[in-house]
């Protein structure tokens, strides 16, 4: 998976950038079709913001934001949100199956 990191109005420590890449690469366990991630770090007066766009083959991109007092806290919030989105999507795809033909036929005969 390709991870592109950029920053606005701030400098991001190398440790945070490395942790970002590691955390986002771990998200491929929820969706193997995950191909690229764009991460933007931004800083206001007191808040640190992290926004990510995940590009998934054949589906709409997933977008999430994290906000905190530090980049680490904002990154943790972002990764939690993205993980929930990907797990929910995986569960919906897995559970969305038509009933078995034997179940529908037996329901009609009764």
C-alpha atoms as a PDB file:
ATOM      1  CA  UNK A   1       0.000   0.000   0.000  1.00  0.00           C
ATOM      2  CA  UNK A   2       1.251   3.451  -0.905  1.00  0.00           C
ATOM      3  CA  UNK A   3       1.088   6.056   1.870  1.00  0.00           C
ATOM      4  CA  UNK A   4       1.472   9.738   0.965  1.00  0.00           C
ATOM      5  CA  UNK A   5       1.995  12.116   3.884  1.00  0.00           C
ATOM      6  CA  UNK A   6       1.833  15.903   3.673  1.00  0.00           C
ATOM      7  CA  UNK A   7       1.566  18.711   6.192  1.00  0.00           C
ATOM      8  CA  UNK A   8       0.027  22.171   6.277  1.00  0.00           C
ATOM      9  CA  UNK A   9       1.259  24.989   8.510  1.00  0.00           C
ATOM     10  CA  UNK A  10       3.358  22.642  10.640  1.00  0.00           C
ATOM     11  CA  UNK A  11       6.346  20.337  10.824  1.00  0.00           C
ATOM     12  CA  UNK A  12       5.645  16.706  11.618  1.00  0.00           C
ATOM     13  CA  UNK A  13       8.271  14.737  13.561  1.00  0.00           C
ATOM     14  CA  UNK A  14       9.797  11.746  11.792  1.00  0.00           C
ATOM     15  CA  UNK A  15       8.640   9.401  14.552  1.00  0.00           C
ATOM     16  CA  UNK A  16       5.015  10.414  13.926  1.00  0.00           C
ATOM     17  CA  UNK A  17       5.424   9.935  10.173  1.00  0.00           C
ATOM     18  CA  UNK A  18       6.878   6.446  10.661  1.00  0.00           C
ATOM     19  CA  UNK A  19       4.099   5.523  13.084  1.00  0.00           C
ATOM     20  CA  UNK A  20       1.526   6.816  10.589  1.00  0.00           C
ATOM     21  CA  UNK A  21       2.843   4.549   7.860  1.00  0.00           C
ATOM     22  CA  UNK A  22       2.923   1.539  10.184  1.00  0.00           C
ATOM     23  CA  UNK A  23      -0.607   2.095  11.489  1.00  0.00           C
ATOM     24  CA  UNK A  24      -2.132   2.641   8.044  1.00  0.00           C
ATOM     25  CA  UNK A  25      -0.422  -0.400   6.566  1.00  0.00           C
ATOM     26  CA  UNK A  26      -1.983  -2.523   9.308  1.00  0.00           C
ATOM     27  CA  UNK A  27      -5.439  -1.543   8.014  1.00  0.00           C
ATOM     28  CA  UNK A  28      -4.971  -3.839   5.017  1.00  0.00           C
ATOM     29  CA  UNK A  29      -5.987  -6.756   7.259  1.00  0.00           C
ATOM     30  CA  UNK A  30      -9.557  -5.394   7.168  1.00  0.00           C
ATOM     31  CA  UNK A  31      -9.598  -4.808   3.422  1.00  0.00           C
ATOM     32  CA  UNK A  32      -6.986  -6.359   1.119  1.00  0.00           C
ATOM     33  CA  UNK A  33      -8.170  -4.109  -1.753  1.00  0.00           C
ATOM     34  CA  UNK A  34      -6.776  -1.066   0.047  1.00  0.00           C
ATOM     35  CA  UNK A  35      -4.265   0.455  -2.389  1.00  0.00           C
ATOM     36  CA  UNK A  36      -3.295   3.967  -1.253  1.00  0.00           C
ATOM     37  CA  UNK A  37      -3.676   6.418   1.586  1.00  0.00           C
ATOM     38  CA  UNK A  38      -3.274  10.181   1.608  1.00  0.00           C
ATOM     39  CA  UNK A  39      -2.648  11.699   5.041  1.00  0.00           C
ATOM     40  CA  UNK A  40      -2.633  15.427   5.801  1.00  0.00           C
ATOM     41  CA  UNK A  41      -1.337  16.832   9.067  1.00  0.00           C
ATOM     42  CA  UNK A  42      -2.540  20.316  10.006  1.00  0.00           C
ATOM     43  CA  UNK A  43      -2.104  22.503  13.047  1.00  0.00           C
ATOM     44  CA  UNK A  44      -4.312  25.258  14.407  1.00  0.00           C
ATOM     45  CA  UNK A  45      -3.549  27.350  17.466  1.00  0.00           C
ATOM     46  CA  UNK A  46      -4.219  24.592  19.988  1.00  0.00           C
ATOM     47  CA  UNK A  47      -5.483  21.622  17.997  1.00  0.00           C
ATOM     48  CA  UNK A  48      -3.638  19.137  15.857  1.00  0.00           C
ATOM     49  CA  UNK A  49      -5.652  17.732  12.962  1.00  0.00           C
ATOM     50  CA  UNK A  50      -5.005  14.620  10.897  1.00  0.00           C
ATOM     51  CA  UNK A  51      -7.120  13.752   7.862  1.00  0.00           C
ATOM     52  CA  UNK A  52      -6.841  10.634   5.703  1.00  0.00           C
ATOM     53  CA  UNK A  53      -8.344   9.423   2.457  1.00  0.00           C
ATOM     54  CA  UNK A  54      -8.147   5.679   1.788  1.00  0.00           C
ATOM     55  CA  UNK A  55      -8.405   4.561  -1.823  1.00  0.00           C
ATOM     56  CA  UNK A  56      -9.951   1.121  -2.241  1.00  0.00           C
ATOM     57  CA  UNK A  57     -10.156  -0.729  -5.558  1.00  0.00           C
ATOM     58  CA  UNK A  58     -13.682  -0.759  -6.964  1.00  0.00           C
ATOM     59  CA  UNK A  59     -15.261   1.284  -4.170  1.00  0.00           C
ATOM     60  CA  UNK A  60     -15.686   4.811  -2.937  1.00  0.00           C
ATOM     61  CA  UNK A  61     -12.775   6.248  -0.930  1.00  0.00           C
ATOM     62  CA  UNK A  62     -13.049   6.339   2.853  1.00  0.00           C
ATOM     63  CA  UNK A  63     -12.387   9.711   4.506  1.00  0.00           C
ATOM     64  CA  UNK A  64     -11.798  10.287   8.220  1.00  0.00           C
ATOM     65  CA  UNK A  65     -10.438  12.990  10.519  1.00  0.00           C
ATOM     66  CA  UNK A  66      -8.772  12.917  13.882  1.00  0.00           C
ATOM     67  CA  UNK A  67      -8.307  15.821  16.265  1.00  0.00           C
ATOM     68  CA  UNK A  68      -6.312  16.120  19.449  1.00  0.00           C
ATOM     69  CA  UNK A  69      -3.820  18.077  21.495  1.00  0.00           C
ATOM     70  CA  UNK A  70      -0.921  16.169  19.923  1.00  0.00           C
ATOM     71  CA  UNK A  71      -0.376  14.516  16.575  1.00  0.00           C
ATOM     72  CA  UNK A  72      -0.148  11.138  18.327  1.00  0.00           C
ATOM     73  CA  UNK A  73      -3.612  11.557  19.858  1.00  0.00           C
ATOM     74  CA  UNK A  74      -5.102  12.778  16.599  1.00  0.00           C
ATOM     75  CA  UNK A  75      -3.490   9.885  14.727  1.00  0.00           C
ATOM     76  CA  UNK A  76      -4.865   7.346  17.223  1.00  0.00           C
ATOM     77  CA  UNK A  77      -8.367   8.762  16.800  1.00  0.00           C
ATOM     78  CA  UNK A  78      -8.016   8.690  13.009  1.00  0.00           C
ATOM     79  CA  UNK A  79      -6.814   5.080  12.880  1.00  0.00           C
ATOM     80  CA  UNK A  80      -9.638   3.984  15.217  1.00  0.00           C
ATOM     81  CA  UNK A  81     -12.223   5.629  12.989  1.00  0.00           C
ATOM     82  CA  UNK A  82     -10.774   4.159   9.801  1.00  0.00           C
ATOM     83  CA  UNK A  83     -10.618   0.714  11.388  1.00  0.00           C
ATOM     84  CA  UNK A  84     -14.280   0.933  12.371  1.00  0.00           C
ATOM     85  CA  UNK A  85     -15.248   2.034   8.853  1.00  0.00           C
ATOM     86  CA  UNK A  86     -13.334  -0.793   7.212  1.00  0.00           C
ATOM     87  CA  UNK A  87     -14.611  -3.434   9.659  1.00  0.00           C
ATOM     88  CA  UNK A  88     -18.201  -2.274   9.178  1.00  0.00           C
ATOM     89  CA  UNK A  89     -17.820  -2.406   5.391  1.00  0.00           C
ATOM     90  CA  UNK A  90     -16.252  -5.869   5.546  1.00  0.00           C
ATOM     91  CA  UNK A  91     -19.036  -7.156   7.785  1.00  0.00           C
ATOM     92  CA  UNK A  92     -21.719  -5.708   5.504  1.00  0.00           C
ATOM     93  CA  UNK A  93     -20.170  -7.330   2.437  1.00  0.00           C
ATOM     94  CA  UNK A  94     -19.762 -10.655   4.224  1.00  0.00           C
ATOM     95  CA  UNK A  95     -23.283 -10.738   5.728  1.00  0.00           C
ATOM     96  CA  UNK A  96     -25.027  -9.486   2.605  1.00  0.00           C
ATOM     97  CA  UNK A  97     -25.840 -12.799   0.985  1.00  0.00           C
ATOM     98  CA  UNK A  98     -29.011 -14.093  -0.504  1.00  0.00           C
ATOM     99  CA  UNK A  99     -30.785 -16.874   1.401  1.00  0.00           C
ATOM    100  CA  UNK A 100     -29.979 -20.385   0.269  1.00  0.00           C
ATOM    101  CA  UNK A 101     -32.227 -21.827  -2.403  1.00  0.00           C
ATOM    102  CA  UNK A 102     -33.197 -24.705  -0.116  1.00  0.00           C
ATOM    103  CA  UNK A 103     -34.462 -22.212   2.480  1.00  0.00           C
ATOM    104  CA  UNK A 104     -36.595 -20.314  -0.029  1.00  0.00           C
ATOM    105  CA  UNK A 105     -38.074 -23.459  -1.603  1.00  0.00           C
ATOM    106  CA  UNK A 106     -39.013 -24.966   1.750  1.00  0.00           C
ATOM    107  CA  UNK A 107     -40.635 -21.682   2.774  1.00  0.00           C
ATOM    108  CA  UNK A 108     -42.872 -21.677  -0.316  1.00  0.00           C
ATOM    109  CA  UNK A 109     -44.114 -25.266   0.088  1.00  0.00           C
ATOM    110  CA  UNK A 110     -45.345 -24.765   3.638  1.00  0.00           C
END
